[in-house]
Amino acid sequence: MPFLNSAPALLVLTGAFLGLTLPFGKLAFAAGIAPSLWAFVISTGAGTVLLAAFLLMGKRPRIDAHMIRYYLIAALISYAIPNLMTLSAIPHLGSGFTGIMYTLSPVFTLLLSILFKMRSPNLLGLLGIFVGFAGAVLVGFTRGQVGQPAEPLWVAIGLLIPVLLALGNVYRTIDWPKGADPTELAAGSHLTTAVLLVPIIFLMTGTFPVEPLGAVPWLVFVQVLASACMFALYFRLQAVGGPVYLSQIGYVGAAVALLAGTLFLGEVYQLATWIGAAIITIGVLMTTKAQQMQQKATKVA
């Protein structure tokens, strides 16, 4: 399929599926489902569907020391902790506000890429980082939905989400197993995430409360479907576009989450929140342009 080799098409599709996950998470919380259990549903469902698809293609998963290390680290910093933080923050910040936090991922990814010497900074990239931070500060001060200001702790947690996502983006690029299939890595990472979440669920709830899932089977189904599609495309996008380009799914995801939260979940945000989101977008566009300039310079050299 041609779109599997098109970074822009993969970016839009992956970001759209990401954006749907946020309002789904809010609906799950309203149904009485613990955030840790919903994170388990996302990873178990996505991992199982992707593994089945991988096996149906006639392929067999590769297990060695490198793959196991990759799965454990990627699962922890890319999915288990960020998803748990995201789903816990949504009831306090709103799905749209939490989605805005995802737009900071490209800025942090570029910053980490510079720190890890994966790329050299240029002036436009550095300016983009500062602009993105300025937008994040403005959004942070609005503290979520109108009439429902969140505690500063939840705002801080929201701001930590893109930092972890950026760490995951950079790690997966640095340690990507040679010759590994993107679907294989997606399936293995999420099944590992599910295993890591089991003790966390017991620790946070004292039990394994699956009963609320039976009340919303349709929500479980659409979440698993969206997650499986998103992560299959997610790893393909990383292979095609690289870590900084991948991190821009937050921009598309935030737009979908904001629209879904505002139109269907009754979320209302201050004007300053929208202005902050626009400033973050400008920062993202600046860092993206900086990346494109560096890629062109590398090709010429």
C-alpha atoms as a PDB file:
ATOM      1  CA  MET A   1       0.000   0.000   0.000  1.00  0.00           C
ATOM      2  CA  PRO A   2       1.552   3.342  -1.099  1.00  0.00           C
ATOM      3  CA  PHE A   3       0.522   5.268   2.035  1.00  0.00           C
ATOM      4  CA  LEU A   4       2.744   2.982   4.138  1.00  0.00           C
ATOM      5  CA  ASN A   5       5.740   4.679   2.514  1.00  0.00           C
ATOM      6  CA  SER A   6       4.350   8.210   2.829  1.00  0.00           C
ATOM      7  CA  ALA A   7       5.453   9.961   6.018  1.00  0.00           C
ATOM      8  CA  PRO A   8       2.753  12.720   5.767  1.00  0.00           C
ATOM      9  CA  ALA A   9      -0.066  10.168   5.295  1.00  0.00           C
ATOM     10  CA  LEU A  10       1.231   8.047   8.166  1.00  0.00           C
ATOM     11  CA  LEU A  11       1.515  11.175  10.330  1.00  0.00           C
ATOM     12  CA  VAL A  12      -2.129  12.178   9.786  1.00  0.00           C
ATOM     13  CA  LEU A  13      -3.521   8.672  10.317  1.00  0.00           C
ATOM     14  CA  THR A  14      -1.405   7.902  13.391  1.00  0.00           C
ATOM     15  CA  GLY A  15      -2.177  11.282  14.955  1.00  0.00           C
ATOM     16  CA  ALA A  16      -5.905  10.885  14.335  1.00  0.00           C
ATOM     17  CA  PHE A  17      -6.005   7.499  16.076  1.00  0.00           C
ATOM     18  CA  LEU A  18      -3.966   8.960  18.950  1.00  0.00           C
ATOM     19  CA  GLY A  19      -6.437  11.825  19.305  1.00  0.00           C
ATOM     20  CA  LEU A  20      -9.369   9.406  19.586  1.00  0.00           C
ATOM     21  CA  THR A  21      -7.672   7.598  22.475  1.00  0.00           C
ATOM     22  CA  LEU A  22      -7.971  10.661  24.740  1.00  0.00           C
ATOM     23  CA  PRO A  23     -11.778  11.132  24.637  1.00  0.00           C
ATOM     24  CA  PHE A  24     -12.167   7.340  24.819  1.00  0.00           C
ATOM     25  CA  GLY A  25     -10.118   7.473  28.028  1.00  0.00           C
ATOM     26  CA  LYS A  26     -12.440  10.099  29.481  1.00  0.00           C
ATOM     27  CA  LEU A  27     -15.487   7.971  28.628  1.00  0.00           C
ATOM     28  CA  ALA A  28     -13.813   4.974  30.280  1.00  0.00           C
ATOM     29  CA  PHE A  29     -13.235   6.945  33.488  1.00  0.00           C
ATOM     30  CA  ALA A  30     -16.888   8.048  33.449  1.00  0.00           C
ATOM     31  CA  ALA A  31     -17.845   4.354  33.213  1.00  0.00           C
ATOM     32  CA  GLY A  32     -15.904   3.640  36.408  1.00  0.00           C
ATOM     33  CA  ILE A  33     -12.876   2.022  34.765  1.00  0.00           C
ATOM     34  CA  ALA A  34      -9.587   2.647  36.578  1.00  0.00           C
ATOM     35  CA  PRO A  35      -6.933   4.441  34.458  1.00  0.00           C
ATOM     36  CA  SER A  36      -4.430   1.635  35.093  1.00  0.00           C
ATOM     37  CA  LEU A  37      -6.926  -0.980  33.855  1.00  0.00           C
ATOM     38  CA  TRP A  38      -7.761   1.075  30.759  1.00  0.00           C
ATOM     39  CA  ALA A  39      -4.052   1.386  29.968  1.00  0.00           C
ATOM     40  CA  PHE A  40      -3.905  -2.416  30.275  1.00  0.00           C
ATOM     41  CA  VAL A  41      -6.847  -2.754  27.863  1.00  0.00           C
ATOM     42  CA  ILE A  42      -5.115  -0.497  25.322  1.00  0.00           C
ATOM     43  CA  SER A  43      -1.830  -2.411  25.373  1.00  0.00           C
ATOM     44  CA  THR A  44      -3.326  -5.903  25.648  1.00  0.00           C
ATOM     45  CA  GLY A  45      -5.772  -5.286  22.826  1.00  0.00           C
ATOM     46  CA  ALA A  46      -3.274  -3.589  20.536  1.00  0.00           C
ATOM     47  CA  GLY A  47      -0.525  -6.125  21.265  1.00  0.00           C
ATOM     48  CA  THR A  48      -2.794  -9.125  20.685  1.00  0.00           C
ATOM     49  CA  VAL A  49      -4.239  -7.817  17.409  1.00  0.00           C
ATOM     50  CA  LEU A  50      -0.804  -6.834  16.092  1.00  0.00           C
ATOM     51  CA  LEU A  51       0.775 -10.165  17.063  1.00  0.00           C
ATOM     52  CA  ALA A  52      -2.052 -12.032  15.329  1.00  0.00           C
ATOM     53  CA  ALA A  53      -1.561  -9.922  12.190  1.00  0.00           C
ATOM     54  CA  PHE A  54       2.189 -10.556  12.303  1.00  0.00           C
ATOM     55  CA  LEU A  55       1.690 -14.321  12.599  1.00  0.00           C
ATOM     56  CA  LEU A  56      -0.931 -14.355   9.832  1.00  0.00           C
ATOM     57  CA  MET A  57       1.664 -12.809   7.513  1.00  0.00           C
ATOM     58  CA  GLY A  58       3.624 -16.028   7.977  1.00  0.00           C
ATOM     59  CA  LYS A  59       6.304 -14.400  10.111  1.00  0.00           C
ATOM     60  CA  ARG A  60       7.667 -15.507  13.467  1.00  0.00           C
ATOM     61  CA  PRO A  61       8.779 -13.205  16.286  1.00  0.00           C
ATOM     62  CA  ARG A  62      12.459 -13.013  17.059  1.00  0.00           C
ATOM     63  CA  ILE A  63      13.490 -13.355  20.701  1.00  0.00           C
ATOM     64  CA  ASP A  64      17.017 -12.495  21.780  1.00  0.00           C
ATOM     65  CA  ALA A  65      18.723 -10.379  24.448  1.00  0.00           C
ATOM     66  CA  HIS A  66      18.535  -7.202  22.362  1.00  0.00           C
ATOM     67  CA  MET A  67      14.821  -7.628  21.624  1.00  0.00           C
ATOM     68  CA  ILE A  68      14.005  -8.313  25.285  1.00  0.00           C
ATOM     69  CA  ARG A  69      15.937  -5.231  26.395  1.00  0.00           C
ATOM     70  CA  TYR A  70      14.202  -3.143  23.734  1.00  0.00           C
ATOM     71  CA  TYR A  71      10.752  -4.372  24.742  1.00  0.00           C
ATOM     72  CA  LEU A  72      11.305  -3.704  28.447  1.00  0.00           C
ATOM     73  CA  ILE A  73      12.722  -0.202  28.080  1.00  0.00           C
ATOM     74  CA  ALA A  74      10.353   0.868  25.282  1.00  0.00           C
ATOM     75  CA  ALA A  75       7.353  -0.501  27.178  1.00  0.00           C
ATOM     76  CA  LEU A  76       8.264   1.370  30.343  1.00  0.00           C
ATOM     77  CA  ILE A  77       9.136   4.830  29.013  1.00  0.00           C
ATOM     78  CA  SER A  78       7.002   4.885  25.855  1.00  0.00           C
ATOM     79  CA  TYR A  79       3.737   3.283  26.961  1.00  0.00           C
ATOM     80  CA  ALA A  80       3.256   2.045  30.533  1.00  0.00           C
ATOM     81  CA  ILE A  81       4.173   5.255  32.381  1.00  0.00           C
ATOM     82  CA  PRO A  82       2.972   7.831  29.777  1.00  0.00           C
ATOM     83  CA  ASN A  83      -0.371   6.059  29.212  1.00  0.00           C
ATOM     84  CA  LEU A  84      -0.968   5.717  32.937  1.00  0.00           C
ATOM     85  CA  MET A  85      -0.171   9.409  33.454  1.00  0.00           C
ATOM     86  CA  THR A  86      -2.326  10.455  30.492  1.00  0.00           C
ATOM     87  CA  LEU A  87      -5.391   8.453  31.511  1.00  0.00           C
ATOM     88  CA  SER A  88      -5.060   9.604  35.128  1.00  0.00           C
ATOM     89  CA  ALA A  89      -4.750  13.263  34.076  1.00  0.00           C
ATOM     90  CA  ILE A  90      -7.663  13.360  31.600  1.00  0.00           C
ATOM     91  CA  PRO A  91     -10.434  13.499  34.275  1.00  0.00           C
ATOM     92  CA  HIS A  92      -8.669  16.486  35.865  1.00  0.00           C
ATOM     93  CA  LEU A  93      -7.442  18.349  32.778  1.00  0.00           C
ATOM     94  CA  GLY A  94      -9.935  17.303  30.087  1.00  0.00           C
ATOM     95  CA  SER A  95      -9.115  15.296  26.973  1.00  0.00           C
ATOM     96  CA  GLY A  96      -8.504  18.415  24.867  1.00  0.00           C
ATOM     97  CA  PHE A  97      -6.118  20.025  27.366  1.00  0.00           C
ATOM     98  CA  THR A  98      -4.220  16.753  27.772  1.00  0.00           C
ATOM     99  CA  GLY A  99      -4.027  16.502  23.996  1.00  0.00           C
ATOM    100  CA  ILE A 100      -2.365  19.927  23.846  1.00  0.00           C
ATOM    101  CA  MET A 101       0.421  18.524  26.018  1.00  0.00           C
ATOM    102  CA  TYR A 102       1.151  15.996  23.265  1.00  0.00           C
ATOM    103  CA  THR A 103       2.005  18.847  20.904  1.00  0.00           C
ATOM    104  CA  LEU A 104       5.118  19.548  22.971  1.00  0.00           C
ATOM    105  CA  SER A 105       6.589  16.168  22.074  1.00  0.00           C
ATOM    106  CA  PRO A 106       8.378  17.430  18.905  1.00  0.00           C
ATOM    107  CA  VAL A 107      10.009  20.238  20.885  1.00  0.00           C
ATOM    108  CA  PHE A 108      11.285  17.892  23.604  1.00  0.00           C
ATOM    109  CA  THR A 109      12.317  15.301  21.006  1.00  0.00           C
ATOM    110  CA  LEU A 110      14.435  17.858  19.167  1.00  0.00           C
ATOM    111  CA  LEU A 111      15.930  19.037  22.466  1.00  0.00           C
ATOM    112  CA  LEU A 112      16.844  15.475  23.458  1.00  0.00           C
ATOM    113  CA  SER A 113      18.188  14.764  19.973  1.00  0.00           C
ATOM    114  CA  ILE A 114      20.524  17.717  20.451  1.00  0.00           C
ATOM    115  CA  LEU A 115      21.524  16.620  23.966  1.00  0.00           C
ATOM    116  CA  PHE A 116      22.236  13.074  22.772  1.00  0.00           C
ATOM    117  CA  LYS A 117      24.214  14.554  19.840  1.00  0.00           C
ATOM    118  CA  MET A 118      21.908  12.886  17.332  1.00  0.00           C
ATOM    119  CA  ARG A 119      21.764  16.251  15.564  1.00  0.00           C
ATOM    120  CA  SER A 120      23.443  19.656  15.911  1.00  0.00           C
ATOM    121  CA  PRO A 121      21.242  22.611  16.910  1.00  0.00           C
ATOM    122  CA  ASN A 122      20.541  25.489  14.557  1.00  0.00           C
ATOM    123  CA  LEU A 123      19.081  28.877  15.435  1.00  0.00           C
ATOM    124  CA  LEU A 124      15.585  28.144  14.107  1.00  0.00           C
ATOM    125  CA  GLY A 125      15.392  24.878  16.034  1.00  0.00           C
ATOM    126  CA  LEU A 126      16.459  26.540  19.275  1.00  0.00           C
ATOM    127  CA  LEU A 127      13.942  29.354  18.754  1.00  0.00           C
ATOM    128  CA  GLY A 128      11.237  26.762  18.113  1.00  0.00           C
ATOM    129  CA  ILE A 129      12.051  25.069  21.417  1.00  0.00           C
ATOM    130  CA  PHE A 130      11.726  28.360  23.304  1.00  0.00           C
ATOM    131  CA  VAL A 131       8.462  29.278  21.535  1.00  0.00           C
ATOM    132  CA  GLY A 132       7.016  25.857  22.331  1.00  0.00           C
ATOM    133  CA  PHE A 133       7.942  26.242  25.986  1.00  0.00           C
ATOM    134  CA  ALA A 134       6.313  29.686  26.064  1.00  0.00           C
ATOM    135  CA  GLY A 135       3.070  28.233  24.722  1.00  0.00           C
ATOM    136  CA  ALA A 136       3.228  25.409  27.253  1.00  0.00           C
ATOM    137  CA  VAL A 137       3.646  27.879  30.113  1.00  0.00           C
ATOM    138  CA  LEU A 138       0.584  29.828  28.937  1.00  0.00           C
ATOM    139  CA  VAL A 139      -1.507  26.661  28.581  1.00  0.00           C
ATOM    140  CA  GLY A 140      -0.296  25.440  31.968  1.00  0.00           C
ATOM    141  CA  PHE A 141      -1.479  28.603  33.703  1.00  0.00           C
ATOM    142  CA  THR A 142      -5.035  28.082  32.392  1.00  0.00           C
ATOM    143  CA  ARG A 143      -5.152  24.785  34.344  1.00  0.00           C
ATOM    144  CA  GLY A 144      -7.651  22.852  32.247  1.00  0.00           C
ATOM    145  CA  GLN A 145     -11.320  23.423  31.522  1.00  0.00           C
ATOM    146  CA  VAL A 146     -13.313  26.577  32.268  1.00  0.00           C
ATOM    147  CA  GLY A 147     -14.880  26.315  35.740  1.00  0.00           C
ATOM    148  CA  GLN A 148     -12.864  23.178  36.545  1.00  0.00           C
ATOM    149  CA  PRO A 149      -9.308  24.335  37.317  1.00  0.00           C
ATOM    150  CA  ALA A 150      -6.978  21.423  37.937  1.00  0.00           C
ATOM    151  CA  GLU A 151      -4.514  21.185  40.797  1.00  0.00           C
ATOM    152  CA  PRO A 152      -0.978  22.304  39.859  1.00  0.00           C
ATOM    153  CA  LEU A 153       0.169  18.699  40.417  1.00  0.00           C
ATOM    154  CA  TRP A 154      -1.989  17.483  37.521  1.00  0.00           C
ATOM    155  CA  VAL A 155      -0.756  20.301  35.288  1.00  0.00           C
ATOM    156  CA  ALA A 156       2.822  19.247  36.117  1.00  0.00           C
ATOM    157  CA  ILE A 157       1.978  15.616  35.324  1.00  0.00           C
ATOM    158  CA  GLY A 158       0.472  16.743  32.020  1.00  0.00           C
ATOM    159  CA  LEU A 159       3.687  18.576  31.157  1.00  0.00           C
ATOM    160  CA  LEU A 160       5.772  15.493  31.984  1.00  0.00           C
ATOM    161  CA  ILE A 161       3.882  13.365  29.434  1.00  0.00           C
ATOM    162  CA  PRO A 162       5.603  14.850  26.339  1.00  0.00           C
ATOM    163  CA  VAL A 163       8.992  14.573  28.071  1.00  0.00           C
ATOM    164  CA  LEU A 164       8.533  10.814  28.456  1.00  0.00           C
ATOM    165  CA  LEU A 165       7.178  10.497  24.918  1.00  0.00           C
ATOM    166  CA  ALA A 166      10.250  12.316  23.630  1.00  0.00           C
ATOM    167  CA  LEU A 167      12.537  10.006  25.620  1.00  0.00           C
ATOM    168  CA  GLY A 168      10.750   7.049  24.061  1.00  0.00           C
ATOM    169  CA  ASN A 169      11.077   8.487  20.546  1.00  0.00           C
ATOM    170  CA  VAL A 170      14.819   8.971  20.933  1.00  0.00           C
ATOM    171  CA  TYR A 171      15.421   5.628  22.669  1.00  0.00           C
ATOM    172  CA  ARG A 172      13.584   3.591  20.040  1.00  0.00           C
ATOM    173  CA  THR A 173      15.622   5.218  17.284  1.00  0.00           C
ATOM    174  CA  ILE A 174      18.944   4.678  19.065  1.00  0.00           C
ATOM    175  CA  ASP A 175      18.259   1.057  20.026  1.00  0.00           C
ATOM    176  CA  TRP A 176      16.044  -0.104  17.109  1.00  0.00           C
ATOM    177  CA  PRO A 177      16.941  -3.817  16.607  1.00  0.00           C
ATOM    178  CA  LYS A 178      18.564  -4.397  13.232  1.00  0.00           C
ATOM    179  CA  GLY A 179      16.207  -5.963  10.699  1.00  0.00           C
ATOM    180  CA  ALA A 180      13.223  -5.912  13.072  1.00  0.00           C
ATOM    181  CA  ASP A 181       9.717  -5.636  11.626  1.00  0.00           C
ATOM    182  CA  PRO A 182       7.739  -2.563  12.863  1.00  0.00           C
ATOM    183  CA  THR A 183       4.642  -4.707  13.542  1.00  0.00           C
ATOM    184  CA  GLU A 184       6.748  -7.160  15.521  1.00  0.00           C
ATOM    185  CA  LEU A 185       8.189  -4.360  17.671  1.00  0.00           C
ATOM    186  CA  ALA A 186       4.768  -2.792  18.225  1.00  0.00           C
ATOM    187  CA  ALA A 187       3.223  -6.105  19.306  1.00  0.00           C
ATOM    188  CA  GLY A 188       6.102  -7.050  21.585  1.00  0.00           C
ATOM    189  CA  SER A 189       6.306  -3.625  23.212  1.00  0.00           C
ATOM    190  CA  HIS A 190       2.596  -3.548  24.018  1.00  0.00           C
ATOM    191  CA  LEU A 191       2.361  -7.090  25.320  1.00  0.00           C
ATOM    192  CA  THR A 192       5.340  -6.283  27.555  1.00  0.00           C
ATOM    193  CA  THR A 193       3.538  -3.115  28.671  1.00  0.00           C
ATOM    194  CA  ALA A 194       0.471  -5.173  29.581  1.00  0.00           C
ATOM    195  CA  VAL A 195       2.588  -7.488  31.746  1.00  0.00           C
ATOM    196  CA  LEU A 196       4.222  -4.516  33.498  1.00  0.00           C
ATOM    197  CA  LEU A 197       0.808  -2.970  34.214  1.00  0.00           C
ATOM    198  CA  VAL A 198      -0.609  -6.023  36.036  1.00  0.00           C
ATOM    199  CA  PRO A 199       1.206  -5.399  39.361  1.00  0.00           C
ATOM    200  CA  ILE A 200       0.499  -1.667  39.015  1.00  0.00           C
ATOM    201  CA  ILE A 201      -3.238  -2.376  38.735  1.00  0.00           C
ATOM    202  CA  PHE A 202      -3.186  -4.483  41.910  1.00  0.00           C
ATOM    203  CA  LEU A 203      -1.085  -1.854  43.685  1.00  0.00           C
ATOM    204  CA  MET A 204      -3.398   1.024  42.745  1.00  0.00           C
ATOM    205  CA  THR A 205      -6.789  -0.697  43.080  1.00  0.00           C
ATOM    206  CA  GLY A 206      -6.137  -3.629  45.425  1.00  0.00           C
ATOM    207  CA  THR A 207      -7.767  -5.968  42.911  1.00  0.00           C
ATOM    208  CA  PHE A 208      -8.179  -6.531  39.166  1.00  0.00           C
ATOM    209  CA  PRO A 209     -11.530  -4.753  38.559  1.00  0.00           C
ATOM    210  CA  VAL A 210     -12.691  -6.068  35.166  1.00  0.00           C
ATOM    211  CA  GLU A 211     -16.431  -5.791  35.919  1.00  0.00           C
ATOM    212  CA  PRO A 212     -16.824  -2.200  34.593  1.00  0.00           C
ATOM    213  CA  LEU A 213     -15.500  -3.334  31.203  1.00  0.00           C
ATOM    214  CA  GLY A 214     -18.592  -5.492  30.720  1.00  0.00           C
ATOM    215  CA  ALA A 215     -20.815  -2.407  30.910  1.00  0.00           C
ATOM    216  CA  VAL A 216     -19.176  -0.730  27.891  1.00  0.00           C
ATOM    217  CA  PRO A 217     -18.131  -3.491  25.444  1.00  0.00           C
ATOM    218  CA  TRP A 218     -18.515  -1.117  22.491  1.00  0.00           C
ATOM    219  CA  LEU A 219     -16.000   1.291  24.036  1.00  0.00           C
ATOM    220  CA  VAL A 220     -13.525  -1.536  24.652  1.00  0.00           C
ATOM    221  CA  PHE A 221     -13.921  -2.669  21.032  1.00  0.00           C
ATOM    222  CA  VAL A 222     -13.400   0.754  19.419  1.00  0.00           C
ATOM    223  CA  GLN A 223     -10.465   1.512  21.740  1.00  0.00           C
ATOM    224  CA  VAL A 224      -8.717  -1.762  20.886  1.00  0.00           C
ATOM    225  CA  LEU A 225      -9.347  -1.169  17.178  1.00  0.00           C
ATOM    226  CA  ALA A 226      -8.052   2.419  17.320  1.00  0.00           C
ATOM    227  CA  SER A 227      -5.012   1.397  19.377  1.00  0.00           C
ATOM    228  CA  ALA A 228      -4.088  -1.486  17.074  1.00  0.00           C
ATOM    229  CA  CYS A 229      -4.317   0.755  14.013  1.00  0.00           C
ATOM    230  CA  MET A 230      -2.407   3.572  15.695  1.00  0.00           C
ATOM    231  CA  PHE A 231       0.533   1.514  16.915  1.00  0.00           C
ATOM    232  CA  ALA A 232       0.902  -0.463  13.692  1.00  0.00           C
ATOM    233  CA  LEU A 233       1.229   2.859  11.854  1.00  0.00           C
ATOM    234  CA  TYR A 234       3.254   4.410  14.714  1.00  0.00           C
ATOM    235  CA  PHE A 235       6.214   2.078  14.331  1.00  0.00           C
ATOM    236  CA  ARG A 236       6.027   2.298  10.545  1.00  0.00           C
ATOM    237  CA  LEU A 237       6.117   6.099  10.794  1.00  0.00           C
ATOM    238  CA  GLN A 238       9.187   5.926  13.048  1.00  0.00           C
ATOM    239  CA  ALA A 239      10.956   3.771  10.470  1.00  0.00           C
ATOM    240  CA  VAL A 240       9.981   6.076   7.579  1.00  0.00           C
ATOM    241  CA  GLY A 241      10.146   9.522   9.175  1.00  0.00           C
ATOM    242  CA  GLY A 242      12.495   9.301  12.165  1.00  0.00           C
ATOM    243  CA  PRO A 243      11.970  10.369  15.803  1.00  0.00           C
ATOM    244  CA  VAL A 244      11.365  14.125  15.392  1.00  0.00           C
ATOM    245  CA  TYR A 245       8.903  13.651  12.525  1.00  0.00           C
ATOM    246  CA  LEU A 246       7.154  10.898  14.504  1.00  0.00           C
ATOM    247  CA  SER A 247       6.737  13.211  17.489  1.00  0.00           C
ATOM    248  CA  GLN A 248       4.531  15.504  15.379  1.00  0.00           C
ATOM    249  CA  ILE A 249       1.628  13.058  15.723  1.00  0.00           C
ATOM    250  CA  GLY A 250       0.920  15.044  18.900  1.00  0.00           C
ATOM    251  CA  TYR A 251      -0.156  18.000  16.772  1.00  0.00           C
ATOM    252  CA  VAL A 252      -2.738  15.959  14.852  1.00  0.00           C
ATOM    253  CA  GLY A 253      -3.765  14.097  18.010  1.00  0.00           C
ATOM    254  CA  ALA A 254      -4.312  17.342  19.922  1.00  0.00           C
ATOM    255  CA  ALA A 255      -6.520  18.736  17.153  1.00  0.00           C
ATOM    256  CA  VAL A 256      -8.680  15.598  17.140  1.00  0.00           C
ATOM    257  CA  ALA A 257      -8.846  15.473  20.952  1.00  0.00           C
ATOM    258  CA  LEU A 258      -9.744  19.172  21.236  1.00  0.00           C
ATOM    259  CA  LEU A 259     -12.486  18.884  18.628  1.00  0.00           C
ATOM    260  CA  ALA A 260     -13.878  15.661  20.116  1.00  0.00           C
ATOM    261  CA  GLY A 261     -13.767  17.028  23.655  1.00  0.00           C
ATOM    262  CA  THR A 262     -15.392  20.323  22.680  1.00  0.00           C
ATOM    263  CA  LEU A 263     -18.026  18.980  20.270  1.00  0.00           C
ATOM    264  CA  PHE A 264     -18.994  15.670  21.915  1.00  0.00           C
ATOM    265  CA  LEU A 265     -17.923  15.762  25.571  1.00  0.00           C
ATOM    266  CA  GLY A 266     -18.958  19.314  26.457  1.00  0.00           C
ATOM    267  CA  GLU A 267     -15.447  20.510  27.340  1.00  0.00           C
ATOM    268  CA  VAL A 268     -14.951  24.293  27.382  1.00  0.00           C
ATOM    269  CA  TYR A 269     -11.536  25.976  27.399  1.00  0.00           C
ATOM    270  CA  GLN A 270     -10.385  29.528  28.021  1.00  0.00           C
ATOM    271  CA  LEU A 271      -9.236  31.760  25.171  1.00  0.00           C
ATOM    272  CA  ALA A 272      -5.737  31.650  26.679  1.00  0.00           C
ATOM    273  CA  THR A 273      -5.708  27.862  26.245  1.00  0.00           C
ATOM    274  CA  TRP A 274      -6.413  28.188  22.527  1.00  0.00           C
ATOM    275  CA  ILE A 275      -3.817  30.975  22.186  1.00  0.00           C
ATOM    276  CA  GLY A 276      -1.266  28.816  24.007  1.00  0.00           C
ATOM    277  CA  ALA A 277      -2.077  25.902  21.697  1.00  0.00           C
ATOM    278  CA  ALA A 278      -1.509  28.182  18.690  1.00  0.00           C
ATOM    279  CA  ILE A 279       1.860  29.339  20.102  1.00  0.00           C
ATOM    280  CA  ILE A 280       2.896  25.710  20.658  1.00  0.00           C
ATOM    281  CA  THR A 281       1.907  24.980  17.056  1.00  0.00           C
ATOM    282  CA  ILE A 282       4.172  27.793  15.851  1.00  0.00           C
ATOM    283  CA  GLY A 283       7.008  26.314  17.906  1.00  0.00           C
ATOM    284  CA  VAL A 284       6.357  22.881  16.403  1.00  0.00           C
ATOM    285  CA  LEU A 285       6.367  24.293  12.867  1.00  0.00           C
ATOM    286  CA  MET A 286       9.665  26.057  13.591  1.00  0.00           C
ATOM    287  CA  THR A 287      11.319  22.886  14.903  1.00  0.00           C
ATOM    288  CA  THR A 288       9.934  20.931  11.941  1.00  0.00           C
ATOM    289  CA  LYS A 289      11.319  23.471   9.484  1.00  0.00           C
ATOM    290  CA  ALA A 290      14.662  23.341  11.294  1.00  0.00           C
ATOM    291  CA  GLN A 291      14.708  19.556  10.916  1.00  0.00           C
ATOM    292  CA  GLN A 292      13.912  19.807   7.196  1.00  0.00           C
ATOM    293  CA  MET A 293      16.702  22.361   6.697  1.00  0.00           C
ATOM    294  CA  GLN A 294      19.201  20.088   8.449  1.00  0.00           C
ATOM    295  CA  GLN A 295      18.099  17.054   6.427  1.00  0.00           C
ATOM    296  CA  LYS A 296      18.571  18.986   3.164  1.00  0.00           C
ATOM    297  CA  ALA A 297      21.986  20.202   4.320  1.00  0.00           C
ATOM    298  CA  THR A 298      22.974  16.610   5.160  1.00  0.00           C
ATOM    299  CA  LYS A 299      21.916  15.370   1.706  1.00  0.00           C
ATOM    300  CA  VAL A 300      23.870  18.149  -0.026  1.00  0.00           C
ATOM    301  CA  ALA A 301      26.946  17.375   2.063  1.00  0.00           C
END
